[in-house]
Amino acid sequence: MLKQRGISLTGLLIICVVLIAVALIGFKVFPAYAEFFTVKKVIGDIARNPEMKGASPKEISDAFDRRATIDTIKSLGGRDLEVSKQGDRSSIRASWSVKVHLFYNVSACIDFEATSQ
């Protein structure tokens, strides 16, 4: 007689519970990472913009605030940017933390850092 192979119903349920838990955590954490990539893109666009080559840190901050309004960036503002001059180019850096509530009293704290380099 052939030995049966496969997964039992109990094993299938355990695997499904684990996959669902991972998916739910991913759905809660994804918006923070999506905003990080948006901030990174906006900072890079501002740094590469030829109109911003001789701009002051205040002008760069205002440009970021305008783009943040358009791209719905809520966890970071223009005042949170660190702008430094390197020759005729501006180097823009931002770092911030996002606390994501997962379930009950468990939260994830994610630290982000984006630079124009």
PDB file of N, CA and C in Angstrom:
ATOM      1  N   MET A   1       0.831  -1.171   0.000  1.00  0.00           N
ATOM      2  CA  MET A   1       0.000   0.000   0.000  1.00  0.00           C
ATOM      3  C   MET A   1       0.886   1.248   0.000  1.00  0.00           C
ATOM      4  N   LEU A   2       0.454   2.274  -0.732  1.00  0.00           N
ATOM      5  CA  LEU A   2       1.211   3.510  -0.825  1.00  0.00           C
ATOM      6  C   LEU A   2       0.975   4.385   0.399  1.00  0.00           C
ATOM      7  N   LYS A   3       2.054   5.027   0.825  1.00  0.00           N
ATOM      8  CA  LYS A   3       1.953   5.944   1.956  1.00  0.00           C
ATOM      9  C   LYS A   3       1.402   7.279   1.462  1.00  0.00           C
ATOM     10  N   GLN A   4       0.430   7.804   2.157  1.00  0.00           N
ATOM     11  CA  GLN A   4      -0.170   9.066   1.745  1.00  0.00           C
ATOM     12  C   GLN A   4       0.766  10.223   2.046  1.00  0.00           C
ATOM     13  N   ARG A   5       0.772  11.184   1.157  1.00  0.00           N
ATOM     14  CA  ARG A   5       1.564  12.386   1.338  1.00  0.00           C
ATOM     15  C   ARG A   5       0.644  13.590   1.246  1.00  0.00           C
ATOM     16  N   GLY A   6       1.081  14.677   1.856  1.00  0.00           N
ATOM     17  CA  GLY A   6       0.280  15.901   1.787  1.00  0.00           C
ATOM     18  C   GLY A   6       0.220  16.583   3.115  1.00  0.00           C
ATOM     19  N   ILE A   7      -0.665  17.542   3.190  1.00  0.00           N
ATOM     20  CA  ILE A   7      -0.790  18.341   4.401  1.00  0.00           C
ATOM     21  C   ILE A   7      -2.135  18.030   5.040  1.00  0.00           C
ATOM     22  N   SER A   8      -2.133  17.983   6.350  1.00  0.00           N
ATOM     23  CA  SER A   8      -3.379  17.702   7.056  1.00  0.00           C
ATOM     24  C   SER A   8      -4.190  18.995   7.180  1.00  0.00           C
ATOM     25  N   LEU A   9      -5.404  18.848   7.569  1.00  0.00           N
ATOM     26  CA  LEU A   9      -6.271  20.010   7.744  1.00  0.00           C
ATOM     27  C   LEU A   9      -5.727  20.926   8.845  1.00  0.00           C
ATOM     28  N   THR A  10      -5.223  20.340   9.905  1.00  0.00           N
ATOM     29  CA  THR A  10      -4.648  21.137  10.989  1.00  0.00           C
ATOM     30  C   THR A  10      -3.433  21.920  10.500  1.00  0.00           C
ATOM     31  N   GLY A  11      -2.577  21.284   9.746  1.00  0.00           N
ATOM     32  CA  GLY A  11      -1.401  21.963   9.195  1.00  0.00           C
ATOM     33  C   GLY A  11      -1.793  23.096   8.261  1.00  0.00           C
ATOM     34  N   LEU A  12      -2.808  22.842   7.439  1.00  0.00           N
ATOM     35  CA  LEU A  12      -3.290  23.875   6.527  1.00  0.00           C
ATOM     36  C   LEU A  12      -3.840  25.079   7.291  1.00  0.00           C
ATOM     37  N   LEU A  13      -4.590  24.839   8.362  1.00  0.00           N
ATOM     38  CA  LEU A  13      -5.142  25.936   9.165  1.00  0.00           C
ATOM     39  C   LEU A  13      -4.031  26.741   9.845  1.00  0.00           C
ATOM     40  N   ILE A  14      -3.010  26.077  10.343  1.00  0.00           N
ATOM     41  CA  ILE A  14      -1.895  26.783  10.990  1.00  0.00           C
ATOM     42  C   ILE A  14      -1.164  27.650   9.971  1.00  0.00           C
ATOM     43  N   ILE A  15      -0.909  27.111   8.794  1.00  0.00           N
ATOM     44  CA  ILE A  15      -0.238  27.881   7.745  1.00  0.00           C
ATOM     45  C   ILE A  15      -1.092  29.080   7.332  1.00  0.00           C
ATOM     46  N   CYS A  16      -2.397  28.902   7.205  1.00  0.00           N
ATOM     47  CA  CYS A  16      -3.290  30.002   6.834  1.00  0.00           C
ATOM     48  C   CYS A  16      -3.304  31.094   7.900  1.00  0.00           C
ATOM     49  N   VAL A  17      -3.328  30.723   9.174  1.00  0.00           N
ATOM     50  CA  VAL A  17      -3.323  31.706  10.256  1.00  0.00           C
ATOM     51  C   VAL A  17      -2.026  32.512  10.229  1.00  0.00           C
ATOM     52  N   VAL A  18      -0.897  31.856  10.023  1.00  0.00           N
ATOM     53  CA  VAL A  18       0.393  32.548   9.974  1.00  0.00           C
ATOM     54  C   VAL A  18       0.435  33.493   8.775  1.00  0.00           C
ATOM     55  N   LEU A  19      -0.004  33.044   7.615  1.00  0.00           N
ATOM     56  CA  LEU A  19      -0.005  33.895   6.422  1.00  0.00           C
ATOM     57  C   LEU A  19      -0.934  35.096   6.577  1.00  0.00           C
ATOM     58  N   ILE A  20      -2.077  34.899   7.178  1.00  0.00           N
ATOM     59  CA  ILE A  20      -3.012  36.001   7.391  1.00  0.00           C
ATOM     60  C   ILE A  20      -2.427  37.016   8.378  1.00  0.00           C
ATOM     61  N   ALA A  21      -1.770  36.539   9.442  1.00  0.00           N
ATOM     62  CA  ALA A  21      -1.154  37.449  10.409  1.00  0.00           C
ATOM     63  C   ALA A  21      -0.052  38.279   9.749  1.00  0.00           C
ATOM     64  N   VAL A  22       0.775  37.647   8.932  1.00  0.00           N
ATOM     65  CA  VAL A  22       1.837  38.373   8.231  1.00  0.00           C
ATOM     66  C   VAL A  22       1.239  39.389   7.258  1.00  0.00           C
ATOM     67  N   ALA A  23       0.181  39.015   6.557  1.00  0.00           N
ATOM     68  CA  ALA A  23      -0.466  39.928   5.611  1.00  0.00           C
ATOM     69  C   ALA A  23      -1.082  41.131   6.332  1.00  0.00           C
ATOM     70  N   LEU A  24      -1.722  40.907   7.474  1.00  0.00           N
ATOM     71  CA  LEU A  24      -2.323  42.022   8.214  1.00  0.00           C
ATOM     72  C   LEU A  24      -1.266  42.989   8.730  1.00  0.00           C
ATOM     73  N   ILE A  25      -0.147  42.469   9.218  1.00  0.00           N
ATOM     74  CA  ILE A  25       0.938  43.344   9.664  1.00  0.00           C
ATOM     75  C   ILE A  25       1.496  44.117   8.473  1.00  0.00           C
ATOM     76  N   GLY A  26       1.644  43.453   7.341  1.00  0.00           N
ATOM     77  CA  GLY A  26       2.119  44.126   6.134  1.00  0.00           C
ATOM     78  C   GLY A  26       1.195  45.234   5.684  1.00  0.00           C
ATOM     79  N   PHE A  27      -0.119  45.004   5.770  1.00  0.00           N
ATOM     80  CA  PHE A  27      -1.086  46.036   5.380  1.00  0.00           C
ATOM     81  C   PHE A  27      -1.017  47.253   6.304  1.00  0.00           C
ATOM     82  N   LYS A  28      -0.689  47.044   7.571  1.00  0.00           N
ATOM     83  CA  LYS A  28      -0.606  48.172   8.500  1.00  0.00           C
ATOM     84  C   LYS A  28       0.705  48.940   8.333  1.00  0.00           C
ATOM     85  N   VAL A  29       1.790  48.264   7.961  1.00  0.00           N
ATOM     86  CA  VAL A  29       3.105  48.891   7.855  1.00  0.00           C
ATOM     87  C   VAL A  29       3.329  49.501   6.464  1.00  0.00           C
ATOM     88  N   PHE A  30       2.654  49.014   5.452  1.00  0.00           N
ATOM     89  CA  PHE A  30       2.870  49.471   4.079  1.00  0.00           C
ATOM     90  C   PHE A  30       2.697  50.978   3.885  1.00  0.00           C
ATOM     91  N   PRO A  31       1.670  51.636   4.448  1.00  0.00           N
ATOM     92  CA  PRO A  31       1.536  53.085   4.233  1.00  0.00           C
ATOM     93  C   PRO A  31       2.744  53.893   4.713  1.00  0.00           C
ATOM     94  N   ALA A  32       3.377  53.473   5.797  1.00  0.00           N
ATOM     95  CA  ALA A  32       4.560  54.187   6.287  1.00  0.00           C
ATOM     96  C   ALA A  32       5.703  54.073   5.274  1.00  0.00           C
ATOM     97  N   TYR A  33       5.892  52.897   4.714  1.00  0.00           N
ATOM     98  CA  TYR A  33       6.950  52.720   3.720  1.00  0.00           C
ATOM     99  C   TYR A  33       6.617  53.435   2.405  1.00  0.00           C
ATOM    100  N   ALA A  34       5.359  53.457   2.033  1.00  0.00           N
ATOM    101  CA  ALA A  34       4.959  54.180   0.822  1.00  0.00           C
ATOM    102  C   ALA A  34       5.238  55.671   0.985  1.00  0.00           C
ATOM    103  N   GLU A  35       4.964  56.212   2.175  1.00  0.00           N
ATOM    104  CA  GLU A  35       5.250  57.621   2.426  1.00  0.00           C
ATOM    105  C   GLU A  35       6.755  57.875   2.426  1.00  0.00           C
ATOM    106  N   PHE A  36       7.544  56.935   2.942  1.00  0.00           N
ATOM    107  CA  PHE A  36       9.000  57.079   2.916  1.00  0.00           C
ATOM    108  C   PHE A  36       9.514  57.201   1.483  1.00  0.00           C
ATOM    109  N   PHE A  37       9.043  56.341   0.602  1.00  0.00           N
ATOM    110  CA  PHE A  37       9.496  56.405  -0.784  1.00  0.00           C
ATOM    111  C   PHE A  37       9.034  57.689  -1.471  1.00  0.00           C
ATOM    112  N   THR A  38       7.871  58.203  -1.089  1.00  0.00           N
ATOM    113  CA  THR A  38       7.410  59.477  -1.627  1.00  0.00           C
ATOM    114  C   THR A  38       8.297  60.622  -1.145  1.00  0.00           C
ATOM    115  N   VAL A  39       8.645  60.622   0.132  1.00  0.00           N
ATOM    116  CA  VAL A  39       9.535  61.658   0.677  1.00  0.00           C
ATOM    117  C   VAL A  39      10.891  61.595  -0.012  1.00  0.00           C
ATOM    118  N   LYS A  40      11.399  60.392  -0.186  1.00  0.00           N
ATOM    119  CA  LYS A  40      12.700  60.219  -0.844  1.00  0.00           C
ATOM    120  C   LYS A  40      12.665  60.775  -2.276  1.00  0.00           C
ATOM    121  N   LYS A  41      11.568  60.525  -2.983  1.00  0.00           N
ATOM    122  CA  LYS A  41      11.425  61.025  -4.353  1.00  0.00           C
ATOM    123  C   LYS A  41      11.328  62.550  -4.372  1.00  0.00           C
ATOM    124  N   VAL A  42      10.553  63.118  -3.469  1.00  0.00           N
ATOM    125  CA  VAL A  42      10.377  64.572  -3.423  1.00  0.00           C
ATOM    126  C   VAL A  42      11.701  65.262  -3.082  1.00  0.00           C
ATOM    127  N   ILE A  43      12.423  64.730  -2.112  1.00  0.00           N
ATOM    128  CA  ILE A  43      13.717  65.318  -1.741  1.00  0.00           C
ATOM    129  C   ILE A  43      14.686  65.259  -2.918  1.00  0.00           C
ATOM    130  N   GLY A  44      14.715  64.122  -3.607  1.00  0.00           N
ATOM    131  CA  GLY A  44      15.583  64.004  -4.778  1.00  0.00           C
ATOM    132  C   GLY A  44      15.195  64.962  -5.892  1.00  0.00           C
ATOM    133  N   ASP A  45      13.894  65.116  -6.118  1.00  0.00           N
ATOM    134  CA  ASP A  45      13.424  66.045  -7.160  1.00  0.00           C
ATOM    135  C   ASP A  45      13.794  67.487  -6.836  1.00  0.00           C
ATOM    136  N   ILE A  46      13.642  67.867  -5.583  1.00  0.00           N
ATOM    137  CA  ILE A  46      13.983  69.238  -5.189  1.00  0.00           C
ATOM    138  C   ILE A  46      15.484  69.466  -5.322  1.00  0.00           C
ATOM    139  N   ALA A  47      16.289  68.496  -4.929  1.00  0.00           N
ATOM    140  CA  ALA A  47      17.744  68.657  -4.999  1.00  0.00           C
ATOM    141  C   ALA A  47      18.240  68.735  -6.445  1.00  0.00           C
ATOM    142  N   ARG A  48      17.577  68.026  -7.365  1.00  0.00           N
ATOM    143  CA  ARG A  48      17.988  68.034  -8.777  1.00  0.00           C
ATOM    144  C   ARG A  48      17.399  69.192  -9.572  1.00  0.00           C
ATOM    145  N   ASN A  49      16.436  69.890  -9.006  1.00  0.00           N
ATOM    146  CA  ASN A  49      15.766  70.981  -9.706  1.00  0.00           C
ATOM    147  C   ASN A  49      16.756  72.128  -9.945  1.00  0.00           C
ATOM    148  N   PRO A  50      16.955  72.528 -11.206  1.00  0.00           N
ATOM    149  CA  PRO A  50      17.911  73.609 -11.482  1.00  0.00           C
ATOM    150  C   PRO A  50      17.515  74.947 -10.854  1.00  0.00           C
ATOM    151  N   GLU A  51      16.232  75.169 -10.633  1.00  0.00           N
ATOM    152  CA  GLU A  51      15.784  76.414 -10.011  1.00  0.00           C
ATOM    153  C   GLU A  51      16.171  76.487  -8.536  1.00  0.00           C
ATOM    154  N   MET A  52      16.471  75.356  -7.914  1.00  0.00           N
ATOM    155  CA  MET A  52      16.786  75.318  -6.489  1.00  0.00           C
ATOM    156  C   MET A  52      18.295  75.313  -6.210  1.00  0.00           C
ATOM    157  N   LYS A  53      19.128  75.473  -7.245  1.00  0.00           N
ATOM    158  CA  LYS A  53      20.587  75.420  -7.028  1.00  0.00           C
ATOM    159  C   LYS A  53      21.071  76.506  -6.085  1.00  0.00           C
ATOM    160  N   GLY A  54      20.608  77.708  -6.243  1.00  0.00           N
ATOM    161  CA  GLY A  54      21.046  78.804  -5.388  1.00  0.00           C
ATOM    162  C   GLY A  54      20.039  79.154  -4.315  1.00  0.00           C
ATOM    163  N   ALA A  55      19.099  78.259  -4.052  1.00  0.00           N
ATOM    164  CA  ALA A  55      18.017  78.564  -3.120  1.00  0.00           C
ATOM    165  C   ALA A  55      18.501  78.510  -1.673  1.00  0.00           C
ATOM    166  N   SER A  56      17.865  79.291  -0.852  1.00  0.00           N
ATOM    167  CA  SER A  56      18.164  79.285   0.583  1.00  0.00           C
ATOM    168  C   SER A  56      17.453  78.092   1.229  1.00  0.00           C
ATOM    169  N   PRO A  57      17.872  77.710   2.434  1.00  0.00           N
ATOM    170  CA  PRO A  57      17.172  76.620   3.125  1.00  0.00           C
ATOM    171  C   PRO A  57      15.683  76.894   3.327  1.00  0.00           C
ATOM    172  N   LYS A  58      15.313  78.144   3.532  1.00  0.00           N
ATOM    173  CA  LYS A  58      13.892  78.496   3.689  1.00  0.00           C
ATOM    174  C   LYS A  58      13.119  78.234   2.399  1.00  0.00           C
ATOM    175  N   GLU A  59      13.701  78.586   1.258  1.00  0.00           N
ATOM    176  CA  GLU A  59      13.044  78.339  -0.036  1.00  0.00           C
ATOM    177  C   GLU A  59      12.916  76.845  -0.304  1.00  0.00           C
ATOM    178  N   ILE A  60      13.933  76.083   0.059  1.00  0.00           N
ATOM    179  CA  ILE A  60      13.872  74.628  -0.112  1.00  0.00           C
ATOM    180  C   ILE A  60      12.805  74.037   0.801  1.00  0.00           C
ATOM    181  N   SER A  61      12.728  74.528   2.024  1.00  0.00           N
ATOM    182  CA  SER A  61      11.703  74.079   2.959  1.00  0.00           C
ATOM    183  C   SER A  61      10.301  74.387   2.443  1.00  0.00           C
ATOM    184  N   ASP A  62      10.123  75.589   1.893  1.00  0.00           N
ATOM    185  CA  ASP A  62       8.819  75.960   1.333  1.00  0.00           C
ATOM    186  C   ASP A  62       8.463  75.096   0.118  1.00  0.00           C
ATOM    187  N   ALA A  63       9.461  74.797  -0.717  1.00  0.00           N
ATOM    188  CA  ALA A  63       9.220  73.928  -1.880  1.00  0.00           C
ATOM    189  C   ALA A  63       8.809  72.535  -1.426  1.00  0.00           C
ATOM    190  N   PHE A  64       9.447  72.036  -0.364  1.00  0.00           N
ATOM    191  CA  PHE A  64       9.060  70.723   0.160  1.00  0.00           C
ATOM    192  C   PHE A  64       7.642  70.750   0.709  1.00  0.00           C
ATOM    193  N   ASP A  65       7.287  71.818   1.418  1.00  0.00           N
ATOM    194  CA  ASP A  65       5.925  71.921   1.957  1.00  0.00           C
ATOM    195  C   ASP A  65       4.877  71.917   0.849  1.00  0.00           C
ATOM    196  N   ARG A  66       5.165  72.609  -0.247  1.00  0.00           N
ATOM    197  CA  ARG A  66       4.221  72.615  -1.379  1.00  0.00           C
ATOM    198  C   ARG A  66       4.076  71.209  -1.955  1.00  0.00           C
ATOM    199  N   ARG A  67       5.188  70.519  -2.153  1.00  0.00           N
ATOM    200  CA  ARG A  67       5.128  69.153  -2.691  1.00  0.00           C
ATOM    201  C   ARG A  67       4.489  68.192  -1.694  1.00  0.00           C
ATOM    202  N   ALA A  68       4.721  68.414  -0.401  1.00  0.00           N
ATOM    203  CA  ALA A  68       4.126  67.548   0.619  1.00  0.00           C
ATOM    204  C   ALA A  68       2.609  67.680   0.627  1.00  0.00           C
ATOM    205  N   THR A  69       2.117  68.871   0.350  1.00  0.00           N
ATOM    206  CA  THR A  69       0.671  69.063   0.262  1.00  0.00           C
ATOM    207  C   THR A  69       0.102  68.304  -0.929  1.00  0.00           C
ATOM    208  N   ILE A  70       0.778  68.355  -2.042  1.00  0.00           N
ATOM    209  CA  ILE A  70       0.315  67.672  -3.253  1.00  0.00           C
ATOM    210  C   ILE A  70       0.373  66.162  -3.082  1.00  0.00           C
ATOM    211  N   ASP A  71       1.481  65.666  -2.507  1.00  0.00           N
ATOM    212  CA  ASP A  71       1.692  64.217  -2.387  1.00  0.00           C
ATOM    213  C   ASP A  71       1.179  63.641  -1.072  1.00  0.00           C
ATOM    214  N   THR A  72       0.463  64.409  -0.288  1.00  0.00           N
ATOM    215  CA  THR A  72      -0.105  64.014   1.005  1.00  0.00           C
ATOM    216  C   THR A  72       0.920  63.355   1.928  1.00  0.00           C
ATOM    217  N   ILE A  73       2.005  64.085   2.175  1.00  0.00           N
ATOM    218  CA  ILE A  73       3.006  63.653   3.149  1.00  0.00           C
ATOM    219  C   ILE A  73       2.610  64.287   4.473  1.00  0.00           C
ATOM    220  N   LYS A  74       2.301  63.465   5.473  1.00  0.00           N
ATOM    221  CA  LYS A  74       1.778  63.990   6.726  1.00  0.00           C
ATOM    222  C   LYS A  74       2.745  63.879   7.902  1.00  0.00           C
ATOM    223  N   SER A  75       3.705  62.975   7.849  1.00  0.00           N
ATOM    224  CA  SER A  75       4.559  62.763   9.013  1.00  0.00           C
ATOM    225  C   SER A  75       5.811  63.623   9.014  1.00  0.00           C
ATOM    226  N   LEU A  76       5.967  64.469   8.016  1.00  0.00           N
ATOM    227  CA  LEU A  76       7.180  65.258   7.884  1.00  0.00           C
ATOM    228  C   LEU A  76       6.841  66.587   7.236  1.00  0.00           C
ATOM    229  N   GLY A  77       7.477  67.643   7.698  1.00  0.00           N
ATOM    230  CA  GLY A  77       7.263  68.959   7.117  1.00  0.00           C
ATOM    231  C   GLY A  77       8.576  69.577   6.681  1.00  0.00           C
ATOM    232  N   GLY A  78       8.499  70.703   6.031  1.00  0.00           N
ATOM    233  CA  GLY A  78       9.691  71.381   5.561  1.00  0.00           C
ATOM    234  C   GLY A  78      10.608  71.818   6.687  1.00  0.00           C
ATOM    235  N   ARG A  79      10.041  72.088   7.854  1.00  0.00           N
ATOM    236  CA  ARG A  79      10.854  72.505   9.006  1.00  0.00           C
ATOM    237  C   ARG A  79      11.701  71.346   9.544  1.00  0.00           C
ATOM    238  N   ASP A  80      11.362  70.115   9.185  1.00  0.00           N
ATOM    239  CA  ASP A  80      12.098  68.940   9.662  1.00  0.00           C
ATOM    240  C   ASP A  80      13.296  68.581   8.785  1.00  0.00           C
ATOM    241  N   LEU A  81      13.463  69.296   7.684  1.00  0.00           N
ATOM    242  CA  LEU A  81      14.572  69.003   6.774  1.00  0.00           C
ATOM    243  C   LEU A  81      15.864  69.619   7.278  1.00  0.00           C
ATOM    244  N   GLU A  82      16.961  68.940   7.016  1.00  0.00           N
ATOM    245  CA  GLU A  82      18.293  69.473   7.295  1.00  0.00           C
ATOM    246  C   GLU A  82      18.932  69.786   5.948  1.00  0.00           C
ATOM    247  N   VAL A  83      19.104  71.073   5.668  1.00  0.00           N
ATOM    248  CA  VAL A  83      19.633  71.507   4.371  1.00  0.00           C
ATOM    249  C   VAL A  83      21.047  72.027   4.581  1.00  0.00           C
ATOM    250  N   SER A  84      21.987  71.505   3.783  1.00  0.00           N
ATOM    251  CA  SER A  84      23.364  72.001   3.840  1.00  0.00           C
ATOM    252  C   SER A  84      23.844  72.241   2.415  1.00  0.00           C
ATOM    253  N   LYS A  85      24.724  73.202   2.267  1.00  0.00           N
ATOM    254  CA  LYS A  85      25.263  73.569   0.956  1.00  0.00           C
ATOM    255  C   LYS A  85      26.593  72.853   0.738  1.00  0.00           C
ATOM    256  N   GLN A  86      26.758  72.300  -0.461  1.00  0.00           N
ATOM    257  CA  GLN A  86      28.019  71.686  -0.866  1.00  0.00           C
ATOM    258  C   GLN A  86      28.383  72.295  -2.213  1.00  0.00           C
ATOM    259  N   GLY A  87      29.116  73.373  -2.161  1.00  0.00           N
ATOM    260  CA  GLY A  87      29.411  74.102  -3.389  1.00  0.00           C
ATOM    261  C   GLY A  87      28.176  74.833  -3.855  1.00  0.00           C
ATOM    262  N   ASP A  88      27.769  74.571  -5.104  1.00  0.00           N
ATOM    263  CA  ASP A  88      26.547  75.200  -5.616  1.00  0.00           C
ATOM    264  C   ASP A  88      25.334  74.297  -5.449  1.00  0.00           C
ATOM    265  N   ARG A  89      25.537  73.086  -4.928  1.00  0.00           N
ATOM    266  CA  ARG A  89      24.430  72.140  -4.732  1.00  0.00           C
ATOM    267  C   ARG A  89      23.968  72.124  -3.282  1.00  0.00           C
ATOM    268  N   SER A  90      22.731  71.774  -3.099  1.00  0.00           N
ATOM    269  CA  SER A  90      22.169  71.635  -1.757  1.00  0.00           C
ATOM    270  C   SER A  90      22.025  70.158  -1.430  1.00  0.00           C
ATOM    271  N   SER A  91      22.378  69.820  -0.224  1.00  0.00           N
ATOM    272  CA  SER A  91      22.190  68.459   0.266  1.00  0.00           C
ATOM    273  C   SER A  91      21.036  68.487   1.254  1.00  0.00           C
ATOM    274  N   ILE A  92      20.033  67.663   1.011  1.00  0.00           N
ATOM    275  CA  ILE A  92      18.831  67.666   1.844  1.00  0.00           C
ATOM    276  C   ILE A  92      18.748  66.314   2.551  1.00  0.00           C
ATOM    277  N   ARG A  93      18.484  66.360   3.852  1.00  0.00           N
ATOM    278  CA  ARG A  93      18.398  65.141   4.657  1.00  0.00           C
ATOM    279  C   ARG A  93      17.200  65.264   5.584  1.00  0.00           C
ATOM    280  N   ALA A  94      16.503  64.155   5.757  1.00  0.00           N
ATOM    281  CA  ALA A  94      15.368  64.124   6.680  1.00  0.00           C
ATOM    282  C   ALA A  94      15.384  62.796   7.422  1.00  0.00           C
ATOM    283  N   SER A  95      15.110  62.849   8.693  1.00  0.00           N
ATOM    284  CA  SER A  95      14.972  61.613   9.475  1.00  0.00           C
ATOM    285  C   SER A  95      13.761  61.772  10.393  1.00  0.00           C
ATOM    286  N   TRP A  96      12.992  60.707  10.520  1.00  0.00           N
ATOM    287  CA  TRP A  96      11.788  60.746  11.327  1.00  0.00           C
ATOM    288  C   TRP A  96      11.400  59.334  11.725  1.00  0.00           C
ATOM    289  N   SER A  97      10.526  59.245  12.713  1.00  0.00           N
ATOM    290  CA  SER A  97      10.032  57.962  13.211  1.00  0.00           C
ATOM    291  C   SER A  97       8.522  57.913  13.040  1.00  0.00           C
ATOM    292  N   VAL A  98       8.043  56.709  12.761  1.00  0.00           N
ATOM    293  CA  VAL A  98       6.603  56.494  12.625  1.00  0.00           C
ATOM    294  C   VAL A  98       6.220  55.349  13.556  1.00  0.00           C
ATOM    295  N   LYS A  99       5.208  55.569  14.368  1.00  0.00           N
ATOM    296  CA  LYS A  99       4.708  54.527  15.258  1.00  0.00           C
ATOM    297  C   LYS A  99       3.423  53.974  14.663  1.00  0.00           C
ATOM    298  N   VAL A 100       3.419  52.672  14.378  1.00  0.00           N
ATOM    299  CA  VAL A 100       2.280  52.015  13.754  1.00  0.00           C
ATOM    300  C   VAL A 100       1.654  51.060  14.765  1.00  0.00           C
ATOM    301  N   HIS A 101       0.400  51.310  15.094  1.00  0.00           N
ATOM    302  CA  HIS A 101      -0.313  50.412  16.010  1.00  0.00           C
ATOM    303  C   HIS A 101      -0.658  49.126  15.276  1.00  0.00           C
ATOM    304  N   LEU A 102      -0.244  47.978  15.831  1.00  0.00           N
ATOM    305  CA  LEU A 102      -0.513  46.701  15.181  1.00  0.00           C
ATOM    306  C   LEU A 102      -1.770  46.050  15.745  1.00  0.00           C
ATOM    307  N   PHE A 103      -1.755  45.712  17.029  1.00  0.00           N
ATOM    308  CA  PHE A 103      -2.924  45.128  17.679  1.00  0.00           C
ATOM    309  C   PHE A 103      -2.738  45.226  19.184  1.00  0.00           C
ATOM    310  N   TYR A 104      -3.823  45.273  19.903  1.00  0.00           N
ATOM    311  CA  TYR A 104      -3.858  45.421  21.355  1.00  0.00           C
ATOM    312  C   TYR A 104      -2.859  46.489  21.792  1.00  0.00           C
ATOM    313  N   ASN A 105      -1.858  46.107  22.579  1.00  0.00           N
ATOM    314  CA  ASN A 105      -0.883  47.089  23.040  1.00  0.00           C
ATOM    315  C   ASN A 105       0.468  46.898  22.343  1.00  0.00           C
ATOM    316  N   VAL A 106       0.446  46.358  21.148  1.00  0.00           N
ATOM    317  CA  VAL A 106       1.674  46.115  20.382  1.00  0.00           C
ATOM    318  C   VAL A 106       1.744  47.129  19.238  1.00  0.00           C
ATOM    319  N   SER A 107       2.872  47.846  19.171  1.00  0.00           N
ATOM    320  CA  SER A 107       3.100  48.824  18.109  1.00  0.00           C
ATOM    321  C   SER A 107       4.476  48.592  17.510  1.00  0.00           C
ATOM    322  N   ALA A 108       4.636  49.067  16.291  1.00  0.00           N
ATOM    323  CA  ALA A 108       5.935  49.011  15.626  1.00  0.00           C
ATOM    324  C   ALA A 108       6.429  50.439  15.463  1.00  0.00           C
ATOM    325  N   CYS A 109       7.654  50.691  15.864  1.00  0.00           N
ATOM    326  CA  CYS A 109       8.274  51.998  15.693  1.00  0.00           C
ATOM    327  C   CYS A 109       9.310  51.878  14.579  1.00  0.00           C
ATOM    328  N   ILE A 110       9.108  52.614  13.509  1.00  0.00           N
ATOM    329  CA  ILE A 110       9.971  52.521  12.330  1.00  0.00           C
ATOM    330  C   ILE A 110      10.698  53.838  12.161  1.00  0.00           C
ATOM    331  N   ASP A 111      12.022  53.780  12.075  1.00  0.00           N
ATOM    332  CA  ASP A 111      12.852  54.967  11.863  1.00  0.00           C
ATOM    333  C   ASP A 111      13.220  55.056  10.390  1.00  0.00           C
ATOM    334  N   PHE A 112      13.006  56.235   9.807  1.00  0.00           N
ATOM    335  CA  PHE A 112      13.316  56.453   8.409  1.00  0.00           C
ATOM    336  C   PHE A 112      14.363  57.547   8.273  1.00  0.00           C
ATOM    337  N   GLU A 113      15.153  57.462   7.223  1.00  0.00           N
ATOM    338  CA  GLU A 113      16.121  58.501   6.897  1.00  0.00           C
ATOM    339  C   GLU A 113      16.220  58.576   5.378  1.00  0.00           C
ATOM    340  N   ALA A 114      16.015  59.779   4.851  1.00  0.00           N
ATOM    341  CA  ALA A 114      16.080  59.990   3.406  1.00  0.00           C
ATOM    342  C   ALA A 114      17.057  61.130   3.132  1.00  0.00           C
ATOM    343  N   THR A 115      17.881  60.947   2.118  1.00  0.00           N
ATOM    344  CA  THR A 115      18.823  61.997   1.720  1.00  0.00           C
ATOM    345  C   THR A 115      18.705  62.233   0.219  1.00  0.00           C
ATOM    346  N   SER A 116      19.211  63.365  -0.208  1.00  0.00           N
ATOM    347  CA  SER A 116      19.138  63.694  -1.625  1.00  0.00           C
ATOM    348  C   SER A 116      20.311  63.096  -2.401  1.00  0.00           C
ATOM    349  N   GLN A 117      21.223  62.451  -1.747  1.00  0.00           N
ATOM    350  CA  GLN A 117      22.396  61.868  -2.404  1.00  0.00           C
ATOM    351  C   GLN A 117      22.039  60.598  -3.130  1.00  0.00           C
TER     352      GLN A 117
END
